[in-house]
Amino acid sequence: NEETFEPAQSICICGKEQLLKLANGILDYYKKE
């Protein structure tokens, strides 16, 4: 079934997205300084 996927993989992807958002937030913070 193509709809099935590894939960761990989705968690990893979400984690990467969260890290990117955090990194972008930090960069924006330092740009404002």
Protein backbone atom coordinates (compact mmCIF):
# COMPACT_ATOMS: atom_id res chain seq x y z
CA ASN A 1 0.00 0.00 0.00
CA GLU A 2 1.59 3.28 -1.11
CA GLU A 3 -0.19 5.24 1.63
CA THR A 4 1.75 3.46 4.37
CA PHE A 5 4.99 5.00 5.57
CA GLU A 6 7.51 4.61 8.38
CA PRO A 7 6.47 6.67 11.44
CA ALA A 8 10.12 7.10 12.37
CA GLN A 9 10.79 8.58 8.93
CA SER A 10 7.98 11.11 9.29
CA ILE A 11 9.25 12.03 12.77
CA CYS A 12 12.74 12.53 11.34
CA ILE A 13 11.37 14.79 8.60
CA CYS A 14 9.35 16.78 11.14
CA GLY A 15 12.45 17.10 13.30
CA LYS A 16 14.43 18.47 10.37
CA GLU A 17 11.68 20.99 9.63
CA GLN A 18 11.64 22.06 13.29
CA LEU A 19 15.43 22.50 13.25
CA LEU A 20 15.22 24.57 10.06
CA LYS A 21 12.55 26.79 11.60
CA LEU A 22 14.65 27.18 14.75
CA ALA A 23 17.78 28.01 12.73
CA ASN A 24 15.86 30.56 10.64
CA GLY A 25 14.47 32.12 13.81
CA ILE A 26 17.96 32.41 15.30
CA LEU A 27 19.30 33.97 12.09
CA ASP A 28 16.43 36.48 12.02
CA TYR A 29 17.10 37.30 15.68
CA TYR A 30 20.76 38.06 15.02
CA LYS A 31 19.88 40.08 11.90
CA LYS A 32 17.62 42.29 14.01
CA GLU A 33 20.39 42.93 16.53
